[in-house]
Amino acid sequence: MPSIFSKSVELLIEVLNSPAAKPQAYLDPGSGSFILQILLASLVGIGFALRSYWGKLIGLVRKKGSDEETDEDDDLEDEE
């Protein structure tokens, strides 16, 4: 007895191979350059965001790490 998953995969393959699923379009140079511009702007935006928040992220990590070290030092002093 075929499972629901195998039936779903078969249906998906049939739909993707149907003639109606084949697009009748092309990318002209204007569309290609627009897609390239979006990709480059996204990369620059991600880089700018990382650069802007890098100091805050490092500060949080250092602050958390120094708090843990302080707690461990306090515990060692209590044992003595």
PDB file of N, CA and C in Angstrom:
ATOM      1  N   MET A   1       0.849  -1.174   0.000  1.00  0.00           N
ATOM      2  CA  MET A   1       0.000   0.000   0.000  1.00  0.00           C
ATOM      3  C   MET A   1       0.898   1.243   0.000  1.00  0.00           C
ATOM      4  N   PRO A   2       0.770   2.095  -1.022  1.00  0.00           N
ATOM      5  CA  PRO A   2       1.620   3.284  -1.102  1.00  0.00           C
ATOM      6  C   PRO A   2       1.276   4.281   0.011  1.00  0.00           C
ATOM      7  N   SER A   3       2.302   4.925   0.508  1.00  0.00           N
ATOM      8  CA  SER A   3       2.094   5.888   1.587  1.00  0.00           C
ATOM      9  C   SER A   3       1.648   7.230   1.015  1.00  0.00           C
ATOM     10  N   ILE A   4       1.209   8.080   1.903  1.00  0.00           N
ATOM     11  CA  ILE A   4       0.766   9.419   1.500  1.00  0.00           C
ATOM     12  C   ILE A   4       1.949  10.199   0.943  1.00  0.00           C
ATOM     13  N   PHE A   5       3.123   9.996   1.532  1.00  0.00           N
ATOM     14  CA  PHE A   5       4.319  10.696   1.069  1.00  0.00           C
ATOM     15  C   PHE A   5       4.636  10.335  -0.377  1.00  0.00           C
ATOM     16  N   SER A   6       4.608   9.049  -0.708  1.00  0.00           N
ATOM     17  CA  SER A   6       4.944   8.638  -2.083  1.00  0.00           C
ATOM     18  C   SER A   6       3.904   9.148  -3.071  1.00  0.00           C
ATOM     19  N   LYS A   7       2.628   9.153  -2.672  1.00  0.00           N
ATOM     20  CA  LYS A   7       1.596   9.703  -3.552  1.00  0.00           C
ATOM     21  C   LYS A   7       1.805  11.197  -3.772  1.00  0.00           C
ATOM     22  N   SER A   8       2.209  11.903  -2.715  1.00  0.00           N
ATOM     23  CA  SER A   8       2.455  13.339  -2.821  1.00  0.00           C
ATOM     24  C   SER A   8       3.628  13.627  -3.746  1.00  0.00           C
ATOM     25  N   VAL A   9       4.671  12.818  -3.636  1.00  0.00           N
ATOM     26  CA  VAL A   9       5.840  12.997  -4.499  1.00  0.00           C
ATOM     27  C   VAL A   9       5.471  12.731  -5.943  1.00  0.00           C
ATOM     28  N   GLU A  10       4.715  11.688  -6.202  1.00  0.00           N
ATOM     29  CA  GLU A  10       4.285  11.381  -7.568  1.00  0.00           C
ATOM     30  C   GLU A  10       3.453  12.519  -8.144  1.00  0.00           C
ATOM     31  N   LEU A  11       2.541  13.065  -7.355  1.00  0.00           N
ATOM     32  CA  LEU A  11       1.700  14.171  -7.810  1.00  0.00           C
ATOM     33  C   LEU A  11       2.552  15.403  -8.101  1.00  0.00           C
ATOM     34  N   LEU A  12       3.507  15.688  -7.251  1.00  0.00           N
ATOM     35  CA  LEU A  12       4.390  16.834  -7.454  1.00  0.00           C
ATOM     36  C   LEU A  12       5.194  16.683  -8.739  1.00  0.00           C
ATOM     37  N   ILE A  13       5.701  15.486  -9.004  1.00  0.00           N
ATOM     38  CA  ILE A  13       6.465  15.244 -10.226  1.00  0.00           C
ATOM     39  C   ILE A  13       5.581  15.423 -11.453  1.00  0.00           C
ATOM     40  N   GLU A  14       4.345  14.943 -11.402  1.00  0.00           N
ATOM     41  CA  GLU A  14       3.425  15.098 -12.525  1.00  0.00           C
ATOM     42  C   GLU A  14       3.106  16.566 -12.784  1.00  0.00           C
ATOM     43  N   VAL A  15       2.884  17.321 -11.721  1.00  0.00           N
ATOM     44  CA  VAL A  15       2.547  18.736 -11.881  1.00  0.00           C
ATOM     45  C   VAL A  15       3.732  19.499 -12.462  1.00  0.00           C
ATOM     46  N   LEU A  16       4.935  19.216 -11.969  1.00  0.00           N
ATOM     47  CA  LEU A  16       6.115  19.931 -12.459  1.00  0.00           C
ATOM     48  C   LEU A  16       6.458  19.567 -13.895  1.00  0.00           C
ATOM     49  N   ASN A  17       6.100  18.379 -14.340  1.00  0.00           N
ATOM     50  CA  ASN A  17       6.391  17.959 -15.705  1.00  0.00           C
ATOM     51  C   ASN A  17       5.273  18.270 -16.686  1.00  0.00           C
ATOM     52  N   SER A  18       4.181  18.832 -16.224  1.00  0.00           N
ATOM     53  CA  SER A  18       3.070  19.138 -17.118  1.00  0.00           C
ATOM     54  C   SER A  18       3.435  20.316 -18.019  1.00  0.00           C
ATOM     55  N   PRO A  19       2.858  20.360 -19.219  1.00  0.00           N
ATOM     56  CA  PRO A  19       3.168  21.468 -20.140  1.00  0.00           C
ATOM     57  C   PRO A  19       2.758  22.829 -19.584  1.00  0.00           C
ATOM     58  N   ALA A  20       1.740  22.877 -18.750  1.00  0.00           N
ATOM     59  CA  ALA A  20       1.292  24.153 -18.205  1.00  0.00           C
ATOM     60  C   ALA A  20       2.312  24.723 -17.219  1.00  0.00           C
ATOM     61  N   ALA A  21       3.177  23.895 -16.646  1.00  0.00           N
ATOM     62  CA  ALA A  21       4.151  24.356 -15.671  1.00  0.00           C
ATOM     63  C   ALA A  21       5.396  24.957 -16.327  1.00  0.00           C
ATOM     64  N   LYS A  22       5.553  24.777 -17.629  1.00  0.00           N
ATOM     65  CA  LYS A  22       6.723  25.309 -18.318  1.00  0.00           C
ATOM     66  C   LYS A  22       6.480  26.789 -18.649  1.00  0.00           C
ATOM     67  N   PRO A  23       7.311  27.682 -18.109  1.00  0.00           N
ATOM     68  CA  PRO A  23       7.109  29.109 -18.387  1.00  0.00           C
ATOM     69  C   PRO A  23       7.544  29.462 -19.806  1.00  0.00           C
ATOM     70  N   GLN A  24       6.832  30.349 -20.400  1.00  0.00           N
ATOM     71  CA  GLN A  24       7.150  30.832 -21.733  1.00  0.00           C
ATOM     72  C   GLN A  24       7.675  32.262 -21.609  1.00  0.00           C
ATOM     73  N   ALA A  25       8.803  32.418 -20.928  1.00  0.00           N
ATOM     74  CA  ALA A  25       9.349  33.738 -20.688  1.00  0.00           C
ATOM     75  C   ALA A  25      10.868  33.690 -20.783  1.00  0.00           C
ATOM     76  N   TYR A  26      11.468  34.850 -20.792  1.00  0.00           N
ATOM     77  CA  TYR A  26      12.925  34.952 -20.808  1.00  0.00           C
ATOM     78  C   TYR A  26      13.320  36.146 -19.962  1.00  0.00           C
ATOM     79  N   LEU A  27      14.585  36.185 -19.597  1.00  0.00           N
ATOM     80  CA  LEU A  27      15.105  37.321 -18.847  1.00  0.00           C
ATOM     81  C   LEU A  27      15.851  38.234 -19.809  1.00  0.00           C
ATOM     82  N   ASP A  28      15.360  39.441 -19.952  1.00  0.00           N
ATOM     83  CA  ASP A  28      16.080  40.401 -20.775  1.00  0.00           C
ATOM     84  C   ASP A  28      17.184  41.045 -19.931  1.00  0.00           C
ATOM     85  N   PRO A  29      18.092  41.773 -20.549  1.00  0.00           N
ATOM     86  CA  PRO A  29      19.206  42.355 -19.785  1.00  0.00           C
ATOM     87  C   PRO A  29      18.748  43.261 -18.638  1.00  0.00           C
ATOM     88  N   GLY A  30      17.640  43.941 -18.800  1.00  0.00           N
ATOM     89  CA  GLY A  30      17.143  44.813 -17.734  1.00  0.00           C
ATOM     90  C   GLY A  30      16.733  44.015 -16.504  1.00  0.00           C
ATOM     91  N   SER A  31      16.066  42.884 -16.713  1.00  0.00           N
ATOM     92  CA  SER A  31      15.659  42.041 -15.583  1.00  0.00           C
ATOM     93  C   SER A  31      16.869  41.424 -14.900  1.00  0.00           C
ATOM     94  N   GLY A  32      17.832  40.972 -15.674  1.00  0.00           N
ATOM     95  CA  GLY A  32      19.028  40.374 -15.101  1.00  0.00           C
ATOM     96  C   GLY A  32      19.812  41.366 -14.265  1.00  0.00           C
ATOM     97  N   SER A  33      19.949  42.597 -14.764  1.00  0.00           N
ATOM     98  CA  SER A  33      20.699  43.591 -14.006  1.00  0.00           C
ATOM     99  C   SER A  33      19.940  44.003 -12.750  1.00  0.00           C
ATOM    100  N   PHE A  34      18.611  43.995 -12.806  1.00  0.00           N
ATOM    101  CA  PHE A  34      17.805  44.320 -11.621  1.00  0.00           C
ATOM    102  C   PHE A  34      17.985  43.245 -10.544  1.00  0.00           C
ATOM    103  N   ILE A  35      17.983  41.987 -10.942  1.00  0.00           N
ATOM    104  CA  ILE A  35      18.192  40.888  -9.983  1.00  0.00           C
ATOM    105  C   ILE A  35      19.599  40.978  -9.387  1.00  0.00           C
ATOM    106  N   LEU A  36      20.592  41.278 -10.221  1.00  0.00           N
ATOM    107  CA  LEU A  36      21.961  41.435  -9.729  1.00  0.00           C
ATOM    108  C   LEU A  36      22.061  42.599  -8.747  1.00  0.00           C
ATOM    109  N   GLN A  37      21.374  43.688  -9.029  1.00  0.00           N
ATOM    110  CA  GLN A  37      21.377  44.851  -8.148  1.00  0.00           C
ATOM    111  C   GLN A  37      20.748  44.510  -6.797  1.00  0.00           C
ATOM    112  N   ILE A  38      19.669  43.747  -6.793  1.00  0.00           N
ATOM    113  CA  ILE A  38      19.022  43.342  -5.543  1.00  0.00           C
ATOM    114  C   ILE A  38      19.963  42.470  -4.720  1.00  0.00           C
ATOM    115  N   LEU A  39      20.635  41.515  -5.366  1.00  0.00           N
ATOM    116  CA  LEU A  39      21.568  40.639  -4.646  1.00  0.00           C
ATOM    117  C   LEU A  39      22.732  41.418  -4.041  1.00  0.00           C
ATOM    118  N   LEU A  40      23.314  42.324  -4.820  1.00  0.00           N
ATOM    119  CA  LEU A  40      24.438  43.113  -4.320  1.00  0.00           C
ATOM    120  C   LEU A  40      24.005  44.043  -3.184  1.00  0.00           C
ATOM    121  N   ALA A  41      22.843  44.661  -3.315  1.00  0.00           N
ATOM    122  CA  ALA A  41      22.347  45.550  -2.259  1.00  0.00           C
ATOM    123  C   ALA A  41      22.070  44.762  -0.980  1.00  0.00           C
ATOM    124  N   SER A  42      21.588  43.541  -1.119  1.00  0.00           N
ATOM    125  CA  SER A  42      21.347  42.699   0.054  1.00  0.00           C
ATOM    126  C   SER A  42      22.652  42.373   0.766  1.00  0.00           C
ATOM    127  N   LEU A  43      23.676  42.021   0.008  1.00  0.00           N
ATOM    128  CA  LEU A  43      24.982  41.718   0.607  1.00  0.00           C
ATOM    129  C   LEU A  43      25.575  42.934   1.305  1.00  0.00           C
ATOM    130  N   VAL A  44      25.475  44.099   0.677  1.00  0.00           N
ATOM    131  CA  VAL A  44      25.992  45.318   1.290  1.00  0.00           C
ATOM    132  C   VAL A  44      25.203  45.644   2.556  1.00  0.00           C
ATOM    133  N   GLY A  45      23.897  45.479   2.520  1.00  0.00           N
ATOM    134  CA  GLY A  45      23.068  45.743   3.694  1.00  0.00           C
ATOM    135  C   GLY A  45      23.396  44.821   4.854  1.00  0.00           C
ATOM    136  N   ILE A  46      23.606  43.547   4.554  1.00  0.00           N
ATOM    137  CA  ILE A  46      23.980  42.588   5.607  1.00  0.00           C
ATOM    138  C   ILE A  46      25.341  42.964   6.188  1.00  0.00           C
ATOM    139  N   GLY A  47      26.282  43.328   5.333  1.00  0.00           N
ATOM    140  CA  GLY A  47      27.604  43.740   5.808  1.00  0.00           C
ATOM    141  C   GLY A  47      27.527  44.986   6.682  1.00  0.00           C
ATOM    142  N   PHE A  48      26.718  45.953   6.277  1.00  0.00           N
ATOM    143  CA  PHE A  48      26.569  47.174   7.072  1.00  0.00           C
ATOM    144  C   PHE A  48      25.933  46.872   8.429  1.00  0.00           C
ATOM    145  N   ALA A  49      24.922  46.019   8.446  1.00  0.00           N
ATOM    146  CA  ALA A  49      24.269  45.667   9.707  1.00  0.00           C
ATOM    147  C   ALA A  49      25.243  44.955  10.641  1.00  0.00           C
ATOM    148  N   LEU A  50      26.030  44.027  10.114  1.00  0.00           N
ATOM    149  CA  LEU A  50      27.022  43.335  10.939  1.00  0.00           C
ATOM    150  C   LEU A  50      28.052  44.309  11.492  1.00  0.00           C
ATOM    151  N   ARG A  51      28.508  45.212  10.644  1.00  0.00           N
ATOM    152  CA  ARG A  51      29.503  46.186  11.088  1.00  0.00           C
ATOM    153  C   ARG A  51      28.921  47.116  12.145  1.00  0.00           C
ATOM    154  N   SER A  52      27.665  47.496  11.993  1.00  0.00           N
ATOM    155  CA  SER A  52      27.043  48.409  12.946  1.00  0.00           C
ATOM    156  C   SER A  52      26.841  47.774  14.308  1.00  0.00           C
ATOM    157  N   TYR A  53      26.470  46.513  14.340  1.00  0.00           N
ATOM    158  CA  TYR A  53      26.153  45.854  15.601  1.00  0.00           C
ATOM    159  C   TYR A  53      27.278  44.974  16.127  1.00  0.00           C
ATOM    160  N   TRP A  54      28.416  44.920  15.447  1.00  0.00           N
ATOM    161  CA  TRP A  54      29.507  44.044  15.862  1.00  0.00           C
ATOM    162  C   TRP A  54      29.996  44.398  17.267  1.00  0.00           C
ATOM    163  N   GLY A  55      30.178  45.671  17.539  1.00  0.00           N
ATOM    164  CA  GLY A  55      30.652  46.097  18.855  1.00  0.00           C
ATOM    165  C   GLY A  55      29.684  45.712  19.962  1.00  0.00           C
ATOM    166  N   LYS A  56      28.394  45.846  19.706  1.00  0.00           N
ATOM    167  CA  LYS A  56      27.396  45.480  20.710  1.00  0.00           C
ATOM    168  C   LYS A  56      27.403  43.978  20.963  1.00  0.00           C
ATOM    169  N   LEU A  57      27.536  43.204  19.894  1.00  0.00           N
ATOM    170  CA  LEU A  57      27.573  41.748  20.053  1.00  0.00           C
ATOM    171  C   LEU A  57      28.802  41.310  20.833  1.00  0.00           C
ATOM    172  N   ILE A  58      29.945  41.876  20.506  1.00  0.00           N
ATOM    173  CA  ILE A  58      31.178  41.521  21.213  1.00  0.00           C
ATOM    174  C   ILE A  58      31.085  41.967  22.672  1.00  0.00           C
ATOM    175  N   GLY A  59      30.501  43.147  22.915  1.00  0.00           N
ATOM    176  CA  GLY A  59      30.339  43.626  24.280  1.00  0.00           C
ATOM    177  C   GLY A  59      29.464  42.708  25.113  1.00  0.00           C
ATOM    178  N   LEU A  60      28.395  42.184  24.512  1.00  0.00           N
ATOM    179  CA  LEU A  60      27.532  41.257  25.235  1.00  0.00           C
ATOM    180  C   LEU A  60      28.267  39.972  25.572  1.00  0.00           C
ATOM    181  N   VAL A  61      29.041  39.468  24.626  1.00  0.00           N
ATOM    182  CA  VAL A  61      29.772  38.221  24.852  1.00  0.00           C
ATOM    183  C   VAL A  61      30.834  38.429  25.931  1.00  0.00           C
ATOM    184  N   ARG A  62      31.564  39.524  25.851  1.00  0.00           N
ATOM    185  CA  ARG A  62      32.603  39.790  26.844  1.00  0.00           C
ATOM    186  C   ARG A  62      32.007  40.022  28.224  1.00  0.00           C
ATOM    187  N   LYS A  63      30.892  40.750  28.270  1.00  0.00           N
ATOM    188  CA  LYS A  63      30.251  41.032  29.557  1.00  0.00           C
ATOM    189  C   LYS A  63      29.748  39.744  30.193  1.00  0.00           C
ATOM    190  N   LYS A  64      29.136  38.895  29.384  1.00  0.00           N
ATOM    191  CA  LYS A  64      28.633  37.622  29.894  1.00  0.00           C
ATOM    192  C   LYS A  64      29.785  36.740  30.351  1.00  0.00           C
ATOM    193  N   GLY A  65      30.861  36.711  29.577  1.00  0.00           N
ATOM    194  CA  GLY A  65      32.020  35.906  29.944  1.00  0.00           C
ATOM    195  C   GLY A  65      32.681  36.419  31.210  1.00  0.00           C
ATOM    196  N   SER A  66      32.773  37.730  31.375  1.00  0.00           N
ATOM    197  CA  SER A  66      33.410  38.274  32.575  1.00  0.00           C
ATOM    198  C   SER A  66      32.534  38.053  33.799  1.00  0.00           C
ATOM    199  N   ASP A  67      31.210  38.059  33.640  1.00  0.00           N
ATOM    200  CA  ASP A  67      30.306  37.762  34.758  1.00  0.00           C
ATOM    201  C   ASP A  67      30.493  36.324  35.226  1.00  0.00           C
ATOM    202  N   GLU A  68      30.652  35.397  34.297  1.00  0.00           N
ATOM    203  CA  GLU A  68      30.842  33.994  34.658  1.00  0.00           C
ATOM    204  C   GLU A  68      32.171  33.804  35.379  1.00  0.00           C
ATOM    205  N   GLU A  69      33.225  34.498  34.922  1.00  0.00           N
ATOM    206  CA  GLU A  69      34.527  34.396  35.571  1.00  0.00           C
ATOM    207  C   GLU A  69      34.467  34.962  36.982  1.00  0.00           C
ATOM    208  N   THR A  70      33.736  36.059  37.162  1.00  0.00           N
ATOM    209  CA  THR A  70      33.596  36.675  38.476  1.00  0.00           C
ATOM    210  C   THR A  70      32.871  35.732  39.421  1.00  0.00           C
ATOM    211  N   ASP A  71      31.825  35.074  38.939  1.00  0.00           N
ATOM    212  CA  ASP A  71      31.083  34.118  39.763  1.00  0.00           C
ATOM    213  C   ASP A  71      31.977  32.959  40.180  1.00  0.00           C
ATOM    214  N   GLU A  72      32.811  32.476  39.263  1.00  0.00           N
ATOM    215  CA  GLU A  72      33.712  31.370  39.589  1.00  0.00           C
ATOM    216  C   GLU A  72      34.755  31.808  40.607  1.00  0.00           C
ATOM    217  N   ASP A  73      35.256  33.043  40.472  1.00  0.00           N
ATOM    218  CA  ASP A  73      36.244  33.557  41.432  1.00  0.00           C
ATOM    219  C   ASP A  73      35.618  33.675  42.816  1.00  0.00           C
ATOM    220  N   ASP A  74      34.370  34.120  42.886  1.00  0.00           N
ATOM    221  CA  ASP A  74      33.678  34.239  44.160  1.00  0.00           C
ATOM    222  C   ASP A  74      33.504  32.868  44.817  1.00  0.00           C
ATOM    223  N   ASP A  75      33.171  31.855  43.997  1.00  0.00           N
ATOM    224  CA  ASP A  75      32.992  30.512  44.523  1.00  0.00           C
ATOM    225  C   ASP A  75      34.304  29.955  45.088  1.00  0.00           C
ATOM    226  N   LEU A  76      35.420  30.247  44.392  1.00  0.00           N
ATOM    227  CA  LEU A  76      36.719  29.764  44.872  1.00  0.00           C
ATOM    228  C   LEU A  76      37.102  30.433  46.186  1.00  0.00           C
ATOM    229  N   GLU A  77      36.790  31.713  46.327  1.00  0.00           N
ATOM    230  CA  GLU A  77      37.111  32.425  47.565  1.00  0.00           C
ATOM    231  C   GLU A  77      36.271  31.885  48.731  1.00  0.00           C
ATOM    232  N   ASP A  78      35.022  31.493  48.473  1.00  0.00           N
ATOM    233  CA  ASP A  78      34.149  30.971  49.507  1.00  0.00           C
ATOM    234  C   ASP A  78      34.650  29.617  50.021  1.00  0.00           C
ATOM    235  N   GLU A  79      35.259  28.829  49.136  1.00  0.00           N
ATOM    236  CA  GLU A  79      35.738  27.498  49.535  1.00  0.00           C
ATOM    237  C   GLU A  79      36.964  27.593  50.425  1.00  0.00           C
ATOM    238  N   GLU A  80      37.758  28.641  50.310  1.00  0.00           N
ATOM    239  CA  GLU A  80      38.980  28.780  51.096  1.00  0.00           C
ATOM    240  C   GLU A  80      38.671  29.201  52.449  1.00  0.00           C
TER     241      GLU A  80
END
